[in-house]
Amino acid sequence: MARAVTARFHPLPVAAVDRLTDDSVALTLAVPEALREEYRHAAGQHLALRRIADGTEIRRTYSICSSAPDPAGEGPRTLRVGVRLVDGGAFSTYALKEIGVGDELEVMTPAGRFTLDPAPGLYAAIVGGSGITPVLSIVSTLLAREPDARFCLIRGDRTAASTMFLEEVADLKDRYPERLHLVTVLSREEQQAGLPSGRLDRERLTGLLPALLPVAEVAGWFLCGPFGLVQGAERTLRELGVARSRIHEEIFHVDDAAPTTRAAAPAHATVTARLDGRGGSWPVRDGESVLDTVLRNRPDAPYACKGGVCGTCRAFLVSGEVRMDRNFALEPEETEAGYVLACQSHPVTEAVEVDFDR
């Protein structure tokens, strides 16, 4: 998918801060009229937010939970994201304890390919915890725009009190009772009705999914949440005969352990990059990723997590060869088409060329 406009940051005012649970909030950002086209987004995309703390730039990615704007109408007047507190999280702590209405946040234009273009058919999602955030946007947009679409939402949480967007999902169920099938599983609390408590692991999903819906008829599966849940759900679906092309994934957290085998870059390696219509070539320093080399010379290069998770730094490999340490963002068809994550890519050949504009 081509990137029509290079991702860029703009200051957006905070219009509302809504407490969702003890450890999560929803931030509503107002979009000025002049920027509404730049912040037009597809259901399921995310925003990168940044701040400077003690002289250090911090970027974090949060999914948009509000419905996508009508393609035939104006861009969004507001954007809403969900933020869950992470132990020691520099940005999430700031979001929960300090951000208030009227504050301005530096917000990157929307990115991400964990999306669904509304079309008739049956769709399903398996989400854990804050993985509900992009799926909330996907479900609300799909059901509002496509009267012949149905959705089965399977969500896992620890307790009812820790469940993000509980009221918003309940409202959707009330609005579309015949077209939204909602299944909630709590791992640390028994429910008065519904499924027994427990985790959505492979064993449970293997028995649960065929009992809930015709697995083979689902046009698209959307998996979002922690790495273990997403990986287990994907394996279960593949074992049930679902084609990989019908499975879409977004991971919210992966352990920070780095790969232990890393070959040194060739001596005198150079990276050539095209970004926002302009190109340049620069030498690679020892241990640098392609993104780090570009950032030293083009601070406007797009990135958010630098962990191989969000996909913001996706670029097309024009020539040369790179080794990607991790990839939790690109679909197999994207890597086969020649796309790489610049933050995880290290030159294998002396000359590497990438294009951030494609």
Protein backbone atom coordinates (compact mmCIF):
# COMPACT_ATOMS: atom_id res chain seq x y z
CA MET A 1 0.00 0.00 0.00
CA ALA A 2 1.50 3.36 -0.96
CA ARG A 3 2.00 6.05 1.60
CA ALA A 4 0.31 9.06 -0.01
CA VAL A 5 1.73 11.60 2.40
CA THR A 6 4.79 11.22 4.58
CA ALA A 7 3.79 10.91 8.23
CA ARG A 8 4.26 14.13 10.16
CA PHE A 9 3.49 15.56 13.61
CA HIS A 10 1.08 18.37 14.45
CA PRO A 11 0.06 19.79 17.85
CA LEU A 12 -3.52 18.81 18.69
CA PRO A 13 -5.46 20.04 21.75
CA VAL A 14 -6.94 17.57 24.21
CA ALA A 15 -10.72 17.97 24.16
CA ALA A 16 -11.61 15.31 26.76
CA VAL A 17 -10.01 12.85 29.16
CA ASP A 18 -12.30 9.96 30.12
CA ARG A 19 -11.37 7.44 32.79
CA LEU A 20 -12.13 3.94 31.49
CA THR A 21 -10.73 1.79 34.29
CA ASP A 22 -8.40 2.31 37.23
CA ASP A 23 -5.44 1.96 34.87
CA SER A 24 -6.68 3.32 31.54
CA VAL A 25 -8.05 6.48 29.97
CA ALA A 26 -9.45 7.60 26.64
CA LEU A 27 -8.03 10.82 25.20
CA THR A 28 -10.12 12.82 22.73
CA LEU A 29 -8.10 15.11 20.48
CA ALA A 30 -9.61 18.01 18.56
CA VAL A 31 -8.56 18.27 14.91
CA PRO A 32 -8.47 21.80 13.45
CA GLU A 33 -10.33 22.24 10.17
CA ALA A 34 -7.09 22.82 8.24
CA LEU A 35 -5.72 19.43 9.32
CA ARG A 36 -8.79 17.23 8.94
CA GLU A 37 -7.72 15.73 5.62
CA GLU A 38 -4.28 14.87 7.02
CA TYR A 39 -5.94 13.02 9.91
CA ARG A 40 -8.44 11.15 7.75
CA HIS A 41 -8.01 7.52 8.81
CA ALA A 42 -9.19 4.01 8.11
CA ALA A 43 -10.83 1.96 10.84
CA GLY A 44 -8.09 0.22 12.81
CA GLN A 45 -5.24 2.68 12.22
CA HIS A 46 -3.12 4.21 14.99
CA LEU A 47 -1.46 7.46 16.02
CA ALA A 48 2.03 8.05 17.37
CA LEU A 49 2.20 10.55 20.23
CA ARG A 50 5.43 12.16 21.35
CA ARG A 51 6.72 14.31 24.18
CA ILE A 52 10.07 15.54 25.43
CA ALA A 53 10.93 14.47 29.01
CA ASP A 54 14.25 15.49 30.58
CA GLY A 55 15.63 16.26 27.15
CA THR A 56 14.68 12.85 25.73
CA GLU A 57 12.09 12.34 23.02
CA ILE A 58 9.50 9.68 23.87
CA ARG A 59 7.17 8.22 21.24
CA ARG A 60 4.32 5.81 21.81
CA THR A 61 1.70 4.38 19.48
CA TYR A 62 -2.00 4.22 20.37
CA SER A 63 -4.83 2.89 18.24
CA ILE A 64 -7.75 5.09 17.26
CA CYS A 65 -10.93 3.74 18.83
CA SER A 66 -13.39 6.15 17.20
CA SER A 67 -15.18 5.30 13.95
CA ALA A 68 -13.48 6.19 10.68
CA PRO A 69 -14.88 9.21 8.81
CA ASP A 70 -17.09 8.68 5.77
CA PRO A 71 -14.85 8.68 2.66
CA ALA A 72 -17.31 11.02 0.95
CA GLY A 73 -17.43 13.47 3.86
CA GLU A 74 -14.98 15.72 5.65
CA GLY A 75 -12.07 14.46 7.72
CA PRO A 76 -12.52 13.80 11.45
CA ARG A 77 -13.27 16.64 13.85
CA THR A 78 -11.95 14.56 16.73
CA LEU A 79 -9.78 11.50 17.28
CA ARG A 80 -10.05 9.22 20.31
CA VAL A 81 -7.37 6.85 21.57
CA GLY A 82 -7.20 4.49 24.51
CA VAL A 83 -4.16 4.46 26.81
CA ARG A 84 -3.49 1.73 29.36
CA LEU A 85 -0.92 2.19 32.12
CA VAL A 86 2.25 0.15 31.67
CA ASP A 87 4.50 -0.49 34.66
CA GLY A 88 7.24 2.13 34.42
CA GLY A 89 5.74 3.48 31.18
CA ALA A 90 7.06 6.98 30.56
CA PHE A 91 4.17 8.04 28.34
CA SER A 92 1.30 6.04 29.81
CA THR A 93 2.09 7.35 33.31
CA TYR A 94 2.09 10.88 31.94
CA ALA A 95 -1.23 10.26 30.15
CA LEU A 96 -3.01 8.92 33.22
CA LYS A 97 -1.62 11.34 35.79
CA GLU A 98 -0.87 14.61 34.04
CA ILE A 99 -2.69 15.17 30.74
CA GLY A 100 -5.70 17.43 31.06
CA VAL A 101 -8.27 19.14 28.84
CA GLY A 102 -6.69 22.00 26.93
CA ASP A 103 -3.19 20.50 26.86
CA GLU A 104 -1.57 20.11 23.46
CA LEU A 105 -0.05 16.83 22.30
CA GLU A 106 2.29 16.24 19.38
CA VAL A 107 0.40 13.72 17.23
CA MET A 108 1.60 11.97 14.06
CA THR A 109 -0.78 11.56 11.17
CA PRO A 110 -2.53 8.14 11.07
CA ALA A 111 -0.63 5.00 10.05
CA GLY A 112 -1.09 1.24 10.12
CA ARG A 113 -2.55 -1.53 7.98
CA PHE A 114 -4.58 -3.42 10.60
CA THR A 115 -7.68 -2.21 8.79
CA LEU A 116 -10.93 -3.34 7.23
CA ASP A 117 -12.71 -1.70 4.30
CA PRO A 118 -16.43 -2.20 4.99
CA ALA A 119 -17.95 -4.92 2.82
CA PRO A 120 -20.76 -7.48 3.19
CA GLY A 121 -19.92 -10.70 5.00
CA LEU A 122 -19.09 -12.25 8.34
CA TYR A 123 -16.03 -11.00 10.23
CA ALA A 124 -14.55 -11.93 13.60
CA ALA A 125 -11.99 -10.70 16.10
CA ILE A 126 -10.12 -12.25 19.01
CA VAL A 127 -8.73 -9.56 21.31
CA GLY A 128 -7.10 -9.37 24.70
CA GLY A 129 -7.05 -6.40 27.05
CA SER A 130 -6.29 -3.13 25.27
CA GLY A 131 -6.41 -5.01 21.97
CA ILE A 132 -10.07 -3.97 21.88
CA THR A 133 -9.04 -0.41 20.91
CA PRO A 134 -8.55 -0.72 17.12
CA VAL A 135 -11.22 -3.42 16.85
CA LEU A 136 -13.76 -1.05 18.41
CA SER A 137 -13.15 1.31 15.50
CA ILE A 138 -13.34 -1.55 12.99
CA VAL A 139 -16.61 -2.93 14.36
CA SER A 140 -18.39 0.41 14.73
CA THR A 141 -17.36 1.56 11.26
CA LEU A 142 -18.28 -1.73 9.57
CA LEU A 143 -21.72 -2.12 11.11
CA ALA A 144 -22.66 1.52 10.52
CA ARG A 145 -21.65 1.54 6.86
CA GLU A 146 -22.50 -1.98 5.68
CA PRO A 147 -25.99 -3.31 6.53
CA ASP A 148 -25.13 -6.76 5.18
CA ALA A 149 -22.12 -7.24 7.47
CA ARG A 150 -21.99 -9.23 10.71
CA PHE A 151 -19.27 -9.38 13.36
CA CYS A 152 -18.33 -11.83 16.11
CA LEU A 153 -16.22 -10.19 18.80
CA ILE A 154 -14.42 -12.51 21.23
CA ARG A 155 -12.63 -10.57 23.94
CA GLY A 156 -10.59 -11.67 26.91
CA ASP A 157 -9.93 -9.57 30.01
CA ARG A 158 -8.84 -10.13 33.59
CA THR A 159 -11.95 -8.79 35.34
CA ALA A 160 -15.02 -6.76 34.45
CA ALA A 161 -13.55 -3.77 36.28
CA SER A 162 -10.38 -3.90 34.16
CA THR A 163 -12.25 -4.12 30.84
CA MET A 164 -11.62 -1.13 28.58
CA PHE A 165 -14.52 0.37 26.59
CA LEU A 166 -17.06 -1.80 28.36
CA GLU A 167 -19.90 0.69 27.86
CA GLU A 168 -18.97 1.48 24.26
CA VAL A 169 -19.07 -2.21 23.28
CA ALA A 170 -22.35 -2.69 25.16
CA ASP A 171 -23.83 0.27 23.24
CA LEU A 172 -22.81 -1.32 19.96
CA LYS A 173 -24.44 -4.58 21.00
CA ASP A 174 -27.66 -2.72 21.83
CA ARG A 175 -27.56 -0.88 18.51
CA TYR A 176 -26.87 -3.97 16.38
CA PRO A 177 -28.29 -6.91 18.39
CA GLU A 178 -28.75 -9.15 15.33
CA ARG A 179 -25.42 -8.35 13.66
CA LEU A 180 -22.95 -8.20 16.55
CA HIS A 181 -22.22 -11.39 18.48
CA LEU A 182 -20.28 -10.54 21.65
CA VAL A 183 -18.42 -13.16 23.68
CA THR A 184 -16.53 -12.10 26.81
CA VAL A 185 -14.13 -14.33 28.74
CA LEU A 186 -12.65 -13.23 32.07
CA SER A 187 -9.48 -14.90 33.31
CA ARG A 188 -9.66 -13.89 36.99
CA GLU A 189 -13.36 -13.55 37.70
CA GLU A 190 -16.44 -15.72 37.29
CA GLN A 191 -19.37 -14.28 35.35
CA GLN A 192 -23.01 -14.68 36.33
CA ALA A 193 -23.74 -15.71 32.75
CA GLY A 194 -21.68 -16.75 29.77
CA LEU A 195 -18.46 -18.73 29.56
CA PRO A 196 -16.51 -19.97 32.59
CA SER A 197 -13.42 -17.99 33.56
CA GLY A 198 -10.08 -18.77 31.98
CA ARG A 199 -7.60 -17.63 29.37
CA LEU A 200 -8.18 -17.60 25.62
CA ASP A 201 -5.41 -20.11 24.95
CA ARG A 202 -5.08 -22.50 22.00
CA GLU A 203 -6.84 -25.37 23.72
CA ARG A 204 -9.84 -23.28 24.62
CA LEU A 205 -10.08 -21.54 21.25
CA THR A 206 -9.90 -24.88 19.41
CA GLY A 207 -13.13 -25.98 21.06
CA LEU A 208 -14.79 -22.57 21.30
CA LEU A 209 -14.49 -21.17 17.79
CA PRO A 210 -16.31 -23.93 15.83
CA ALA A 211 -19.10 -23.82 18.41
CA LEU A 212 -19.55 -20.06 18.02
CA LEU A 213 -19.51 -19.53 14.27
CA PRO A 214 -18.85 -21.17 10.89
CA VAL A 215 -15.08 -20.69 10.93
CA ALA A 216 -14.61 -21.33 7.20
CA GLU A 217 -17.15 -18.64 6.25
CA VAL A 218 -15.44 -15.77 8.08
CA ALA A 219 -14.11 -13.28 5.52
CA GLY A 220 -11.54 -11.78 7.85
CA TRP A 221 -10.12 -12.53 11.30
CA PHE A 222 -8.65 -9.68 13.37
CA LEU A 223 -6.31 -10.66 16.21
CA CYS A 224 -5.07 -7.98 18.58
CA GLY A 225 -3.45 -7.98 22.01
CA PRO A 226 -0.37 -9.45 23.69
CA PHE A 227 2.02 -11.53 21.60
CA GLY A 228 1.10 -14.85 23.26
CA LEU A 229 -2.62 -14.43 22.64
CA VAL A 230 -2.19 -13.36 19.02
CA GLN A 231 0.31 -16.13 18.25
CA GLY A 232 -1.90 -18.78 19.89
CA ALA A 233 -5.01 -17.55 18.10
CA GLU A 234 -3.25 -17.57 14.73
CA ARG A 235 -2.01 -21.13 15.20
CA THR A 236 -5.49 -22.25 16.23
CA LEU A 237 -7.07 -20.69 13.16
CA ARG A 238 -4.49 -22.23 10.83
CA GLU A 239 -5.13 -25.64 12.42
CA LEU A 240 -8.85 -25.09 11.79
CA GLY A 241 -8.11 -24.56 8.09
CA VAL A 242 -8.22 -20.76 7.87
CA ALA A 243 -6.01 -19.32 5.10
CA ARG A 244 -3.23 -17.01 6.31
CA SER A 245 -4.51 -14.30 3.95
CA ARG A 246 -7.71 -14.05 6.02
CA ILE A 247 -5.86 -13.48 9.31
CA HIS A 248 -4.84 -9.95 10.29
CA GLU A 249 -2.72 -9.28 13.36
CA GLU A 250 -1.62 -6.40 15.55
CA ILE A 251 0.51 -6.97 18.64
CA PHE A 252 0.46 -4.51 21.52
CA HIS A 253 3.42 -5.81 23.49
CA VAL A 254 6.44 -8.01 22.87
CA ASP A 255 9.27 -8.81 25.28
CA ASP A 256 12.22 -6.48 24.76
CA ALA A 257 14.76 -9.28 24.43
CA ALA A 258 17.01 -8.56 21.45
CA PRO A 259 18.23 -11.25 19.02
CA THR A 260 21.45 -12.89 20.13
CA THR A 261 22.83 -13.54 16.62
CA ARG A 262 23.63 -10.36 14.75
CA ALA A 263 26.14 -10.25 11.90
CA ALA A 264 28.22 -7.11 11.53
CA ALA A 265 27.30 -4.76 8.71
CA PRO A 266 29.67 -4.70 5.73
CA ALA A 267 32.53 -2.20 6.01
CA HIS A 268 31.74 1.15 4.38
CA ALA A 269 28.04 0.29 3.99
CA THR A 270 25.79 3.12 2.82
CA VAL A 271 22.04 3.66 3.00
CA THR A 272 20.21 5.62 0.33
CA ALA A 273 16.70 6.69 1.28
CA ARG A 274 13.86 8.56 -0.37
CA LEU A 275 11.55 10.38 2.01
CA ASP A 276 8.87 12.96 1.24
CA GLY A 277 10.13 13.31 -2.31
CA ARG A 278 13.77 13.93 -1.37
CA GLY A 279 16.65 11.46 -1.37
CA GLY A 280 20.08 11.14 0.17
CA SER A 281 22.91 8.65 0.84
CA TRP A 282 24.74 8.24 4.14
CA PRO A 283 27.34 5.92 5.68
CA VAL A 284 26.19 3.34 8.21
CA ARG A 285 27.78 3.41 11.65
CA ASP A 286 28.62 0.18 13.43
CA GLY A 287 25.48 -1.54 14.73
CA GLU A 288 23.06 0.97 13.24
CA SER A 289 19.73 -0.01 11.75
CA VAL A 290 18.64 1.51 8.46
CA LEU A 291 16.28 3.78 10.39
CA ASP A 292 19.00 5.03 12.75
CA THR A 293 21.23 5.90 9.80
CA VAL A 294 18.42 7.84 8.14
CA LEU A 295 17.40 9.59 11.38
CA ARG A 296 20.89 11.00 11.90
CA ASN A 297 20.43 12.88 8.64
CA ARG A 298 16.65 13.13 8.28
CA PRO A 299 15.01 13.59 11.71
CA ASP A 300 11.61 13.57 9.97
CA ALA A 301 11.87 9.86 9.14
CA PRO A 302 8.71 8.11 10.39
CA TYR A 303 8.88 5.82 13.41
CA ALA A 304 7.09 5.21 16.69
CA CYS A 305 8.04 2.10 18.66
CA LYS A 306 11.42 1.02 17.21
CA GLY A 307 10.47 -2.48 18.35
CA GLY A 308 9.19 -4.01 15.12
CA VAL A 309 5.59 -3.84 16.35
CA CYS A 310 3.80 -0.77 15.00
CA GLY A 311 4.94 -0.73 11.35
CA THR A 312 5.26 3.08 11.21
CA CYS A 313 8.78 2.85 9.74
CA ARG A 314 7.77 0.57 6.88
CA ALA A 315 9.82 1.19 3.73
CA PHE A 316 10.22 -0.43 0.32
CA LEU A 317 13.58 -2.09 -0.27
CA VAL A 318 14.58 -0.76 -3.69
CA SER A 319 17.97 -2.48 -3.89
CA GLY A 320 20.50 -4.29 -1.75
CA GLU A 321 19.84 -6.77 1.03
CA VAL A 322 18.97 -6.29 4.70
CA ARG A 323 18.41 -8.57 7.68
CA MET A 324 15.33 -7.87 9.81
CA ASP A 325 15.84 -8.76 13.46
CA ARG A 326 12.13 -8.81 14.29
CA ASN A 327 8.87 -8.36 12.42
CA PHE A 328 5.56 -8.24 14.23
CA ALA A 329 3.94 -5.64 11.96
CA LEU A 330 4.23 -6.62 8.30
CA GLU A 331 1.97 -9.21 6.71
CA PRO A 332 3.67 -12.01 4.70
CA GLU A 333 2.45 -10.50 1.43
CA GLU A 334 4.11 -7.19 2.35
CA THR A 335 7.52 -8.74 2.98
CA GLU A 336 7.16 -10.79 -0.21
CA ALA A 337 6.43 -7.56 -2.09
CA GLY A 338 9.70 -6.06 -0.81
CA TYR A 339 8.71 -4.05 2.27
CA VAL A 340 10.86 -3.99 5.40
CA LEU A 341 10.77 -2.43 8.85
CA ALA A 342 13.56 0.16 8.79
CA CYS A 343 13.95 0.06 12.59
CA GLN A 344 14.77 -3.67 12.48
CA SER A 345 16.73 -3.77 9.21
CA HIS A 346 20.53 -3.97 9.10
CA PRO A 347 22.50 -3.82 5.83
CA VAL A 348 23.86 -7.10 4.53
CA THR A 349 25.22 -5.61 1.30
CA GLU A 350 27.47 -2.55 1.04
CA ALA A 351 24.74 -0.49 -0.62
CA VAL A 352 21.11 -0.47 0.48
CA GLU A 353 18.36 1.74 -0.94
CA VAL A 354 14.92 2.19 0.64
CA ASP A 355 11.88 4.28 -0.25
CA PHE A 356 9.62 5.54 2.55
CA ASP A 357 7.21 7.13 0.05
CA ARG A 358 5.97 3.91 -1.61
